[in-house]
Each structure stands twice: as structure tokens, then as C-alpha cells.
Amino acid sequence: MIVRVEDIPAEGLDIHFEKKERWWQPEKDKPFLDVELVRPVIAELHLNLIAEKVHIKGEINVVLQLFCSRCLEPFNFPIKATMDFMLVPRWLGPQTEALRLKREDMEVEFFDGVEINIDQAVAEQIFLNVPMKPICKPDCKGLCPICGTNLNKGRCSCERPRFSPFYEAMQQLKKKVG
């Protein structure tokens, strides 16, 4: 969905955004974010024109299916995120490279000054809220490092070493010293 800056009225523009498919996928054979939608992405946004800048504020709701980094099982991950940032035309941006970002710089994005890609803005907010290492539950036990059994579903019969080989070397050193 593209919104032209000139089409934003003085009182602002309310946008209801809803997508049922993974529209962020640039190419089917090269997934950027390989997740499934459990429920459609719904966003309620308000765009407000402030001089040449556009303030975007709103809320995104979606449920994604992710894979746990510990046990590799799929699980539902709800995202309820707020959007609150300013779009600034590139020509109003800094002309030199910033050496240090300030807190207010984190709430600014740059655009061409003519059109706003709402799909891209919503997708960015979703990507920012997906954890780097998704975990199905805080106490996930993961997989057995020896046989690969999901330890959340049951125990395995593998014999675990009492301590690591690194600790064993420390024990030997301790015996020699003391």
C-alpha cells in the first residue's frame, strides 16, 4: 500500500491495514523471514503531516508461527507492537555522517518525501519484534545433545557426563596444586 504525502489531509489520515499472506517475501525461493502467519496482520495507523515530515503512530497485531531455537518445535508467537516514529525526507536529513546517535534519532526514518510504503513500515515493525532466538517457553529443555530427543516430551536413556572435559582439567590441576 502506497500513500502519497500530498494525499494526507490536514487532520491526518487513518489507515486500516490487513494482510492475510506473507507479503514481505521478496522471492519465494529466498525467504527473508521464514515464518507463517497464524492470524492476519492487522494494523491501525494514523499518519499526520507536520511540515514536510510525516508522523506515523499506530498499533500492529499479528500471530506468527516460529520455531523454537532449543527444541525446534513450532509455536505461536503473538506480536502486539506500537509504531511511533517520524518519516523525514532524505533532503532534510544530515548531510554528514553522524558519529553518535542520539535517543531522538532512533525514532526517525528517511523516505523519498513523495510516497510512503505502508507495507514496508509494517513489515519492519514485525521484523523488529521477532526475537533473534525464539524460545517456545522460558523453561524449554531443548534437545538431548547426544541422541536428539526433545526433552520437553520425555527423558532419554543417554548417559550424561558428570562434568565437562574443561572442568576435569581444572580438577586435575587442583589435585596437583593442593
Protein backbone atom coordinates (compact mmCIF):
# COMPACT_ATOMS: atom_id res chain seq x y z
CA MET A 1 0.00 0.00 0.00
CA ILE A 2 1.47 3.32 -1.08
CA VAL A 3 0.32 6.65 0.37
CA ARG A 4 1.29 9.86 -1.35
CA VAL A 5 2.26 12.67 1.03
CA GLU A 6 0.11 15.14 -0.92
CA ASP A 7 -2.96 12.96 -0.18
CA ILE A 8 -2.64 13.31 3.61
CA PRO A 9 -5.25 15.88 4.79
CA ALA A 10 -4.53 18.48 7.47
CA GLU A 11 -6.43 16.46 10.11
CA GLY A 12 -4.33 13.37 9.33
CA LEU A 13 -5.11 10.08 7.66
CA ASP A 14 -6.37 6.92 9.39
CA ILE A 15 -5.36 3.66 7.73
CA HIS A 16 -6.67 0.18 8.41
CA PHE A 17 -4.07 -2.31 7.18
CA GLU A 18 -4.83 -6.02 6.89
CA LYS A 19 -2.84 -8.71 5.11
CA LYS A 20 -3.51 -12.43 5.15
CA GLU A 21 -0.44 -13.66 3.27
CA ARG A 22 3.30 -13.19 3.77
CA TRP A 23 3.60 -10.13 1.56
CA TRP A 24 7.12 -9.34 2.81
CA GLN A 25 8.55 -12.33 0.91
CA PRO A 26 10.66 -10.78 -1.89
CA GLU A 27 11.24 -14.09 -3.69
CA LYS A 28 9.66 -17.44 -2.88
CA ASP A 29 12.94 -19.36 -3.17
CA LYS A 30 14.89 -16.89 -0.96
CA PRO A 31 12.87 -16.34 2.22
CA PHE A 32 13.81 -13.27 4.23
CA LEU A 33 11.84 -14.21 7.31
CA ASP A 34 10.70 -17.81 7.12
CA VAL A 35 7.63 -17.73 9.35
CA GLU A 36 3.98 -18.45 8.82
CA LEU A 37 1.06 -16.22 9.71
CA VAL A 38 -1.32 -17.87 12.17
CA ARG A 39 -3.63 -14.85 12.09
CA PRO A 40 -3.67 -11.97 9.59
CA VAL A 41 -1.56 -8.88 10.21
CA ILE A 42 -3.85 -6.07 11.36
CA ALA A 43 -2.58 -2.54 11.87
CA GLU A 44 -4.43 0.63 12.75
CA LEU A 45 -2.30 3.62 11.78
CA HIS A 46 -2.63 7.38 11.87
CA LEU A 47 -0.46 9.50 9.56
CA ASN A 48 -0.07 13.15 10.40
CA LEU A 49 1.69 15.68 8.17
CA ILE A 50 3.97 18.08 10.07
CA ALA A 51 5.54 20.46 7.54
CA GLU A 52 7.38 18.09 5.18
CA LYS A 53 7.65 15.30 7.76
CA VAL A 54 5.12 12.53 8.37
CA HIS A 55 4.40 11.25 11.87
CA ILE A 56 3.20 7.63 11.91
CA LYS A 57 1.56 6.30 15.02
CA GLY A 58 -0.40 3.11 15.47
CA GLU A 59 -0.61 -0.47 16.60
CA ILE A 60 0.12 -3.80 14.91
CA ASN A 61 -1.39 -7.16 15.90
CA VAL A 62 -0.30 -10.48 14.43
CA VAL A 63 0.37 -14.05 15.49
CA LEU A 64 3.32 -15.75 13.80
CA GLN A 65 4.43 -19.35 13.86
CA LEU A 66 8.11 -19.54 14.80
CA PHE A 67 10.44 -22.45 15.54
CA CYS A 68 12.00 -22.75 18.99
CA SER A 69 15.80 -22.40 18.98
CA ARG A 70 16.14 -25.01 21.72
CA CYS A 71 13.70 -27.81 20.82
CA LEU A 72 13.00 -26.92 17.14
CA GLU A 73 9.22 -27.28 17.67
CA PRO A 74 6.84 -24.76 16.06
CA PHE A 75 4.96 -22.42 18.39
CA ASN A 76 2.67 -19.40 18.11
CA PHE A 77 4.25 -16.03 18.84
CA PRO A 78 1.82 -13.11 19.26
CA ILE A 79 3.08 -9.62 18.46
CA LYS A 80 1.27 -6.54 19.66
CA ALA A 81 3.55 -3.66 18.79
CA THR A 82 3.16 0.08 18.70
CA MET A 83 4.54 2.26 15.95
CA ASP A 84 5.53 5.82 16.74
CA PHE A 85 8.13 7.42 14.50
CA MET A 86 8.74 10.31 12.16
CA LEU A 87 9.41 9.94 8.44
CA VAL A 88 11.76 12.67 7.26
CA PRO A 89 12.52 13.41 3.60
CA ARG A 90 16.10 12.47 2.74
CA TRP A 91 16.95 16.03 1.71
CA LEU A 92 16.19 17.21 5.28
CA GLY A 93 18.49 14.57 6.78
CA PRO A 94 22.03 15.10 7.94
CA GLN A 95 24.47 15.88 5.16
CA THR A 96 27.43 14.41 7.02
CA GLU A 97 27.85 11.02 8.65
CA ALA A 98 26.69 11.02 12.28
CA LEU A 99 29.38 9.90 14.67
CA ARG A 100 26.98 9.21 17.51
CA LEU A 101 23.25 8.60 17.51
CA LYS A 102 21.05 10.43 19.98
CA ARG A 103 17.90 8.92 21.51
CA GLU A 104 15.63 11.02 19.28
CA ASP A 105 17.50 9.76 16.19
CA MET A 106 16.15 6.26 16.87
CA GLU A 107 12.59 7.44 16.17
CA VAL A 108 13.36 8.86 12.72
CA GLU A 109 13.34 7.13 9.35
CA PHE A 110 14.06 8.64 5.97
CA PHE A 111 11.97 8.39 2.80
CA ASP A 112 11.86 9.98 -0.65
CA GLY A 113 9.48 12.74 0.51
CA VAL A 114 6.79 11.82 -2.01
CA GLU A 115 5.43 8.35 -1.20
CA ILE A 116 5.18 6.24 1.95
CA ASN A 117 5.29 2.47 1.63
CA ILE A 118 2.95 1.30 4.41
CA ASP A 119 3.69 -2.39 3.69
CA GLN A 120 7.38 -1.77 4.30
CA ALA A 121 6.78 0.20 7.51
CA VAL A 122 4.54 -2.54 8.97
CA ALA A 123 6.94 -5.33 7.90
CA GLU A 124 9.86 -3.52 9.57
CA GLN A 125 7.94 -3.31 12.83
CA ILE A 126 7.15 -7.03 12.67
CA PHE A 127 10.81 -7.91 11.96
CA LEU A 128 11.95 -5.74 14.86
CA ASN A 129 9.68 -7.66 17.23
CA VAL A 130 10.73 -11.18 16.21
CA PRO A 131 13.35 -12.42 18.71
CA MET A 132 16.76 -13.44 17.40
CA LYS A 133 16.50 -16.76 19.26
CA PRO A 134 12.82 -17.57 19.66
CA ILE A 135 12.04 -19.89 22.58
CA CYS A 136 8.70 -21.67 22.92
CA LYS A 137 8.62 -21.28 26.74
CA PRO A 138 11.13 -19.97 29.29
CA ASP A 139 11.73 -23.42 30.78
CA CYS A 140 12.21 -25.22 27.44
CA LYS A 141 14.62 -28.11 28.00
CA GLY A 142 15.68 -28.36 24.37
CA LEU A 143 17.12 -31.41 22.65
CA CYS A 144 19.44 -34.06 24.07
CA PRO A 145 22.90 -33.25 22.68
CA ILE A 146 23.62 -36.95 22.27
CA CYS A 147 20.50 -38.55 20.72
CA GLY A 148 18.38 -35.51 19.78
CA THR A 149 15.31 -36.43 21.85
CA ASN A 150 13.04 -33.50 22.68
CA LEU A 151 13.49 -33.33 26.46
CA ASN A 152 10.17 -31.46 26.86
CA LYS A 153 8.33 -34.58 25.69
CA GLY A 154 10.25 -37.15 27.72
CA ARG A 155 13.55 -38.35 29.04
CA CYS A 156 16.14 -40.20 27.06
CA SER A 157 18.43 -43.03 28.17
CA CYS A 158 21.68 -41.28 27.25
CA GLU A 159 24.30 -41.14 29.96
CA ARG A 160 25.37 -37.58 30.57
CA PRO A 161 28.92 -36.79 31.62
CA ARG A 162 29.04 -35.62 35.24
CA PHE A 163 31.13 -32.62 34.25
CA SER A 164 32.69 -31.14 31.17
CA PRO A 165 36.20 -32.03 29.99
CA PHE A 166 37.23 -28.47 30.80
CA TYR A 167 36.15 -28.94 34.38
CA GLU A 168 38.02 -32.26 34.50
CA ALA A 169 41.26 -30.49 33.60
CA MET A 170 40.64 -28.00 36.40
CA GLN A 171 40.07 -30.90 38.84
CA GLN A 172 43.42 -32.46 37.82
CA LEU A 173 45.19 -29.12 38.29
CA LYS A 174 43.56 -28.69 41.69
CA LYS A 175 44.81 -32.15 42.79
CA LYS A 176 48.39 -31.29 41.71
CA VAL A 177 48.38 -27.93 43.49
CA GLY A 178 46.54 -28.80 46.65
